[in-house]
Amino acid sequence: MMLTKQKLNKILRNYRVHVPSELKKELLEQYGNTVITEDGRTIEYSEQDICEHLRKIVRSYENANKGVN
């Protein structure tokens, strides 16, 4: 699965979080493109992989920004 802007927005809505557009852009660059290893193999993330990575990244972002509002 490749992450699209629509899928990212849906996942973030389900998590009930708001992240800045810069973080969204980083996430799309990381999970919205084909990953090719040094030996030429293509890595494809599952939907579960992407959701778990996003959950961890969003949690780190929220913890780093607690009380900054």
PDB file of N, CA and C in Angstrom:
ATOM      1  N   MET A   1       0.848  -1.182   0.000  1.00  0.00           N
ATOM      2  CA  MET A   1       0.000   0.000   0.000  1.00  0.00           C
ATOM      3  C   MET A   1       0.888   1.238   0.000  1.00  0.00           C
ATOM      4  N   MET A   2       0.512   2.186  -0.799  1.00  0.00           N
ATOM      5  CA  MET A   2       1.186   3.479  -0.782  1.00  0.00           C
ATOM      6  C   MET A   2       0.233   4.488  -0.152  1.00  0.00           C
ATOM      7  N   LEU A   3       0.776   5.312   0.705  1.00  0.00           N
ATOM      8  CA  LEU A   3      -0.029   6.299   1.406  1.00  0.00           C
ATOM      9  C   LEU A   3      -0.352   7.462   0.481  1.00  0.00           C
ATOM     10  N   THR A   4      -1.617   7.813   0.405  1.00  0.00           N
ATOM     11  CA  THR A   4      -2.043   8.985  -0.369  1.00  0.00           C
ATOM     12  C   THR A   4      -2.510  10.053   0.616  1.00  0.00           C
ATOM     13  N   LYS A   5      -2.700  11.251   0.103  1.00  0.00           N
ATOM     14  CA  LYS A   5      -3.162  12.352   0.946  1.00  0.00           C
ATOM     15  C   LYS A   5      -4.531  12.030   1.548  1.00  0.00           C
ATOM     16  N   GLN A   6      -5.414  11.428   0.753  1.00  0.00           N
ATOM     17  CA  GLN A   6      -6.746  11.087   1.231  1.00  0.00           C
ATOM     18  C   GLN A   6      -6.676  10.032   2.333  1.00  0.00           C
ATOM     19  N   LYS A   7      -5.830   9.009   2.136  1.00  0.00           N
ATOM     20  CA  LYS A   7      -5.700   7.963   3.150  1.00  0.00           C
ATOM     21  C   LYS A   7      -5.094   8.526   4.431  1.00  0.00           C
ATOM     22  N   LEU A   8      -4.091   9.387   4.290  1.00  0.00           N
ATOM     23  CA  LEU A   8      -3.471  10.004   5.457  1.00  0.00           C
ATOM     24  C   LEU A   8      -4.496  10.813   6.240  1.00  0.00           C
ATOM     25  N   ASN A   9      -5.273  11.630   5.551  1.00  0.00           N
ATOM     26  CA  ASN A   9      -6.297  12.443   6.222  1.00  0.00           C
ATOM     27  C   ASN A   9      -7.321  11.574   6.937  1.00  0.00           C
ATOM     28  N   LYS A  10      -7.710  10.467   6.313  1.00  0.00           N
ATOM     29  CA  LYS A  10      -8.682   9.557   6.937  1.00  0.00           C
ATOM     30  C   LYS A  10      -8.097   8.937   8.203  1.00  0.00           C
ATOM     31  N   ILE A  11      -6.839   8.495   8.142  1.00  0.00           N
ATOM     32  CA  ILE A  11      -6.197   7.898   9.306  1.00  0.00           C
ATOM     33  C   ILE A  11      -6.089   8.911  10.438  1.00  0.00           C
ATOM     34  N   LEU A  12      -5.679  10.130  10.110  1.00  0.00           N
ATOM     35  CA  LEU A  12      -5.529  11.162  11.136  1.00  0.00           C
ATOM     36  C   LEU A  12      -6.882  11.538  11.747  1.00  0.00           C
ATOM     37  N   ARG A  13      -7.944  11.563  10.932  1.00  0.00           N
ATOM     38  CA  ARG A  13      -9.289  11.813  11.468  1.00  0.00           C
ATOM     39  C   ARG A  13      -9.682  10.715  12.439  1.00  0.00           C
ATOM     40  N   ASN A  14      -9.370   9.464  12.082  1.00  0.00           N
ATOM     41  CA  ASN A  14      -9.695   8.339  12.971  1.00  0.00           C
ATOM     42  C   ASN A  14      -8.915   8.430  14.283  1.00  0.00           C
ATOM     43  N   TYR A  15      -7.698   8.950  14.223  1.00  0.00           N
ATOM     44  CA  TYR A  15      -6.890   9.135  15.434  1.00  0.00           C
ATOM     45  C   TYR A  15      -7.326  10.381  16.211  1.00  0.00           C
ATOM     46  N   ARG A  16      -8.143  11.212  15.577  1.00  0.00           N
ATOM     47  CA  ARG A  16      -8.642  12.451  16.177  1.00  0.00           C
ATOM     48  C   ARG A  16      -7.506  13.378  16.590  1.00  0.00           C
ATOM     49  N   VAL A  17      -6.581  13.566  15.645  1.00  0.00           N
ATOM     50  CA  VAL A  17      -5.441  14.447  15.898  1.00  0.00           C
ATOM     51  C   VAL A  17      -5.299  15.431  14.746  1.00  0.00           C
ATOM     52  N   HIS A  18      -4.627  16.524  15.036  1.00  0.00           N
ATOM     53  CA  HIS A  18      -4.286  17.501  14.011  1.00  0.00           C
ATOM     54  C   HIS A  18      -2.776  17.654  14.018  1.00  0.00           C
ATOM     55  N   VAL A  19      -2.176  17.510  12.861  1.00  0.00           N
ATOM     56  CA  VAL A  19      -0.730  17.694  12.744  1.00  0.00           C
ATOM     57  C   VAL A  19      -0.485  18.775  11.691  1.00  0.00           C
ATOM     58  N   PRO A  20       0.633  19.479  11.789  1.00  0.00           N
ATOM     59  CA  PRO A  20       0.914  20.534  10.817  1.00  0.00           C
ATOM     60  C   PRO A  20       1.165  19.960   9.423  1.00  0.00           C
ATOM     61  N   SER A  21       0.980  20.800   8.440  1.00  0.00           N
ATOM     62  CA  SER A  21       1.142  20.370   7.052  1.00  0.00           C
ATOM     63  C   SER A  21       2.558  19.896   6.756  1.00  0.00           C
ATOM     64  N   GLU A  22       3.559  20.438   7.473  1.00  0.00           N
ATOM     65  CA  GLU A  22       4.939  19.995   7.259  1.00  0.00           C
ATOM     66  C   GLU A  22       5.103  18.522   7.628  1.00  0.00           C
ATOM     67  N   LEU A  23       4.476  18.114   8.737  1.00  0.00           N
ATOM     68  CA  LEU A  23       4.556  16.716   9.154  1.00  0.00           C
ATOM     69  C   LEU A  23       3.798  15.828   8.172  1.00  0.00           C
ATOM     70  N   LYS A  24       2.653  16.291   7.703  1.00  0.00           N
ATOM     71  CA  LYS A  24       1.901  15.527   6.707  1.00  0.00           C
ATOM     72  C   LYS A  24       2.744  15.317   5.451  1.00  0.00           C
ATOM     73  N   LYS A  25       3.438  16.368   5.039  1.00  0.00           N
ATOM     74  CA  LYS A  25       4.285  16.278   3.851  1.00  0.00           C
ATOM     75  C   LYS A  25       5.393  15.246   4.058  1.00  0.00           C
ATOM     76  N   GLU A  26       6.018  15.261   5.226  1.00  0.00           N
ATOM     77  CA  GLU A  26       7.071  14.288   5.531  1.00  0.00           C
ATOM     78  C   GLU A  26       6.526  12.861   5.500  1.00  0.00           C
ATOM     79  N   LEU A  27       5.347  12.670   6.077  1.00  0.00           N
ATOM     80  CA  LEU A  27       4.747  11.338   6.109  1.00  0.00           C
ATOM     81  C   LEU A  27       4.423  10.847   4.703  1.00  0.00           C
ATOM     82  N   LEU A  28       3.906  11.740   3.872  1.00  0.00           N
ATOM     83  CA  LEU A  28       3.596  11.359   2.491  1.00  0.00           C
ATOM     84  C   LEU A  28       4.862  11.045   1.703  1.00  0.00           C
ATOM     85  N   GLU A  29       5.933  11.793   1.946  1.00  0.00           N
ATOM     86  CA  GLU A  29       7.189  11.512   1.260  1.00  0.00           C
ATOM     87  C   GLU A  29       7.748  10.161   1.682  1.00  0.00           C
ATOM     88  N   GLN A  30       7.610   9.838   2.958  1.00  0.00           N
ATOM     89  CA  GLN A  30       8.168   8.596   3.470  1.00  0.00           C
ATOM     90  C   GLN A  30       7.342   7.377   3.083  1.00  0.00           C
ATOM     91  N   TYR A  31       6.031   7.465   3.196  1.00  0.00           N
ATOM     92  CA  TYR A  31       5.178   6.297   2.976  1.00  0.00           C
ATOM     93  C   TYR A  31       4.356   6.356   1.690  1.00  0.00           C
ATOM     94  N   GLY A  32       4.495   7.419   0.928  1.00  0.00           N
ATOM     95  CA  GLY A  32       3.737   7.539  -0.309  1.00  0.00           C
ATOM     96  C   GLY A  32       4.557   7.273  -1.550  1.00  0.00           C
ATOM     97  N   ASN A  33       5.777   6.779  -1.355  1.00  0.00           N
ATOM     98  CA  ASN A  33       6.664   6.501  -2.484  1.00  0.00           C
ATOM     99  C   ASN A  33       7.158   5.067  -2.414  1.00  0.00           C
ATOM    100  N   THR A  34       7.567   4.546  -3.548  1.00  0.00           N
ATOM    101  CA  THR A  34       8.139   3.214  -3.607  1.00  0.00           C
ATOM    102  C   THR A  34       9.513   3.233  -2.957  1.00  0.00           C
ATOM    103  N   VAL A  35       9.770   2.233  -2.140  1.00  0.00           N
ATOM    104  CA  VAL A  35      11.063   2.121  -1.460  1.00  0.00           C
ATOM    105  C   VAL A  35      11.847   0.987  -2.109  1.00  0.00           C
ATOM    106  N   ILE A  36      13.072   1.311  -2.557  1.00  0.00           N
ATOM    107  CA  ILE A  36      13.930   0.312  -3.172  1.00  0.00           C
ATOM    108  C   ILE A  36      15.193   0.184  -2.328  1.00  0.00           C
ATOM    109  N   THR A  37      15.503  -1.043  -1.941  1.00  0.00           N
ATOM    110  CA  THR A  37      16.682  -1.284  -1.108  1.00  0.00           C
ATOM    111  C   THR A  37      17.949  -1.186  -1.951  1.00  0.00           C
ATOM    112  N   GLU A  38      19.094  -1.229  -1.270  1.00  0.00           N
ATOM    113  CA  GLU A  38      20.378  -1.144  -1.959  1.00  0.00           C
ATOM    114  C   GLU A  38      20.584  -2.297  -2.938  1.00  0.00           C
ATOM    115  N   ASP A  39      20.011  -3.447  -2.638  1.00  0.00           N
ATOM    116  CA  ASP A  39      20.177  -4.596  -3.532  1.00  0.00           C
ATOM    117  C   ASP A  39      19.064  -4.703  -4.575  1.00  0.00           C
ATOM    118  N   GLY A  40      18.254  -3.643  -4.701  1.00  0.00           N
ATOM    119  CA  GLY A  40      17.259  -3.566  -5.767  1.00  0.00           C
ATOM    120  C   GLY A  40      15.892  -4.129  -5.449  1.00  0.00           C
ATOM    121  N   ARG A  41      15.688  -4.600  -4.239  1.00  0.00           N
ATOM    122  CA  ARG A  41      14.367  -5.128  -3.884  1.00  0.00           C
ATOM    123  C   ARG A  41      13.416  -3.977  -3.577  1.00  0.00           C
ATOM    124  N   THR A  42      12.157  -4.178  -3.902  1.00  0.00           N
ATOM    125  CA  THR A  42      11.125  -3.182  -3.618  1.00  0.00           C
ATOM    126  C   THR A  42      10.425  -3.553  -2.314  1.00  0.00           C
ATOM    127  N   ILE A  43      10.309  -2.567  -1.434  1.00  0.00           N
ATOM    128  CA  ILE A  43       9.613  -2.779  -0.167  1.00  0.00           C
ATOM    129  C   ILE A  43       8.235  -2.150  -0.268  1.00  0.00           C
ATOM    130  N   GLU A  44       7.228  -2.945   0.065  1.00  0.00           N
ATOM    131  CA  GLU A  44       5.862  -2.430   0.065  1.00  0.00           C
ATOM    132  C   GLU A  44       5.306  -2.570   1.470  1.00  0.00           C
ATOM    133  N   TYR A  45       4.864  -1.453   2.038  1.00  0.00           N
ATOM    134  CA  TYR A  45       4.286  -1.452   3.372  1.00  0.00           C
ATOM    135  C   TYR A  45       2.841  -1.915   3.315  1.00  0.00           C
ATOM    136  N   SER A  46       2.423  -2.662   4.330  1.00  0.00           N
ATOM    137  CA  SER A  46       1.011  -3.024   4.438  1.00  0.00           C
ATOM    138  C   SER A  46       0.272  -1.857   5.085  1.00  0.00           C
ATOM    139  N   GLU A  47      -1.036  -1.886   5.019  1.00  0.00           N
ATOM    140  CA  GLU A  47      -1.827  -0.837   5.657  1.00  0.00           C
ATOM    141  C   GLU A  47      -1.574  -0.837   7.161  1.00  0.00           C
ATOM    142  N   GLN A  48      -1.432  -2.028   7.739  1.00  0.00           N
ATOM    143  CA  GLN A  48      -1.158  -2.141   9.168  1.00  0.00           C
ATOM    144  C   GLN A  48       0.199  -1.521   9.509  1.00  0.00           C
ATOM    145  N   ASP A  49       1.221  -1.763   8.675  1.00  0.00           N
ATOM    146  CA  ASP A  49       2.544  -1.165   8.891  1.00  0.00           C
ATOM    147  C   ASP A  49       2.456   0.353   8.912  1.00  0.00           C
ATOM    148  N   ILE A  50       1.775   0.896   7.919  1.00  0.00           N
ATOM    149  CA  ILE A  50       1.667   2.352   7.806  1.00  0.00           C
ATOM    150  C   ILE A  50       0.912   2.931   8.996  1.00  0.00           C
ATOM    151  N   CYS A  51      -0.196   2.325   9.360  1.00  0.00           N
ATOM    152  CA  CYS A  51      -0.982   2.838  10.494  1.00  0.00           C
ATOM    153  C   CYS A  51      -0.168   2.801  11.779  1.00  0.00           C
ATOM    154  N   GLU A  52       0.587   1.721  11.982  1.00  0.00           N
ATOM    155  CA  GLU A  52       1.389   1.611  13.199  1.00  0.00           C
ATOM    156  C   GLU A  52       2.511   2.657  13.214  1.00  0.00           C
ATOM    157  N   HIS A  53       3.176   2.857  12.087  1.00  0.00           N
ATOM    158  CA  HIS A  53       4.223   3.878  12.001  1.00  0.00           C
ATOM    159  C   HIS A  53       3.635   5.266  12.240  1.00  0.00           C
ATOM    160  N   LEU A  54       2.497   5.548  11.626  1.00  0.00           N
ATOM    161  CA  LEU A  54       1.857   6.853  11.814  1.00  0.00           C
ATOM    162  C   LEU A  54       1.456   7.064  13.267  1.00  0.00           C
ATOM    163  N   ARG A  55       0.928   6.032  13.911  1.00  0.00           N
ATOM    164  CA  ARG A  55       0.520   6.138  15.307  1.00  0.00           C
ATOM    165  C   ARG A  55       1.714   6.506  16.183  1.00  0.00           C
ATOM    166  N   LYS A  56       2.848   5.856  15.955  1.00  0.00           N
ATOM    167  CA  LYS A  56       4.047   6.139  16.746  1.00  0.00           C
ATOM    168  C   LYS A  56       4.570   7.551  16.478  1.00  0.00           C
ATOM    169  N   ILE A  57       4.580   7.965  15.219  1.00  0.00           N
ATOM    170  CA  ILE A  57       5.085   9.295  14.864  1.00  0.00           C
ATOM    171  C   ILE A  57       4.177  10.372  15.438  1.00  0.00           C
ATOM    172  N   VAL A  58       2.857  10.189  15.308  1.00  0.00           N
ATOM    173  CA  VAL A  58       1.907  11.178  15.817  1.00  0.00           C
ATOM    174  C   VAL A  58       1.993  11.259  17.337  1.00  0.00           C
ATOM    175  N   ARG A  59       2.131  10.106  18.012  1.00  0.00           N
ATOM    176  CA  ARG A  59       2.266  10.110  19.468  1.00  0.00           C
ATOM    177  C   ARG A  59       3.525  10.884  19.882  1.00  0.00           C
ATOM    178  N   SER A  60       4.636  10.669  19.197  1.00  0.00           N
ATOM    179  CA  SER A  60       5.875  11.398  19.497  1.00  0.00           C
ATOM    180  C   SER A  60       5.688  12.890  19.284  1.00  0.00           C
ATOM    181  N   TYR A  61       5.001  13.254  18.191  1.00  0.00           N
ATOM    182  CA  TYR A  61       4.739  14.659  17.903  1.00  0.00           C
ATOM    183  C   TYR A  61       3.887  15.288  19.002  1.00  0.00           C
ATOM    184  N   GLU A  62       2.823  14.592  19.402  1.00  0.00           N
ATOM    185  CA  GLU A  62       1.942  15.122  20.440  1.00  0.00           C
ATOM    186  C   GLU A  62       2.675  15.270  21.770  1.00  0.00           C
ATOM    187  N   ASN A  63       3.483  14.296  22.137  1.00  0.00           N
ATOM    188  CA  ASN A  63       4.225  14.366  23.395  1.00  0.00           C
ATOM    189  C   ASN A  63       5.237  15.510  23.382  1.00  0.00           C
ATOM    190  N   ALA A  64       5.850  15.748  22.244  1.00  0.00           N
ATOM    191  CA  ALA A  64       6.837  16.823  22.125  1.00  0.00           C
ATOM    192  C   ALA A  64       6.178  18.197  22.178  1.00  0.00           C
ATOM    193  N   ASN A  65       4.897  18.273  21.816  1.00  0.00           N
ATOM    194  CA  ASN A  65       4.200  19.556  21.734  1.00  0.00           C
ATOM    195  C   ASN A  65       3.154  19.743  22.817  1.00  0.00           C
ATOM    196  N   LYS A  66       3.185  18.960  23.864  1.00  0.00           N
ATOM    197  CA  LYS A  66       2.227  19.130  24.963  1.00  0.00           C
ATOM    198  C   LYS A  66       2.465  20.478  25.631  1.00  0.00           C
ATOM    199  N   GLY A  67       1.392  21.214  25.805  1.00  0.00           N
ATOM    200  CA  GLY A  67       1.471  22.494  26.499  1.00  0.00           C
ATOM    201  C   GLY A  67       2.071  23.613  25.692  1.00  0.00           C
ATOM    202  N   VAL A  68       2.242  23.434  24.391  1.00  0.00           N
ATOM    203  CA  VAL A  68       2.839  24.483  23.559  1.00  0.00           C
ATOM    204  C   VAL A  68       1.752  25.381  22.972  1.00  0.00           C
ATOM    205  N   ASN A  69       0.514  25.146  23.269  1.00  0.00           N
ATOM    206  CA  ASN A  69      -0.559  25.974  22.697  1.00  0.00           C
ATOM    207  C   ASN A  69      -0.835  27.148  23.513  1.00  0.00           C
TER     208      ASN A  69
END
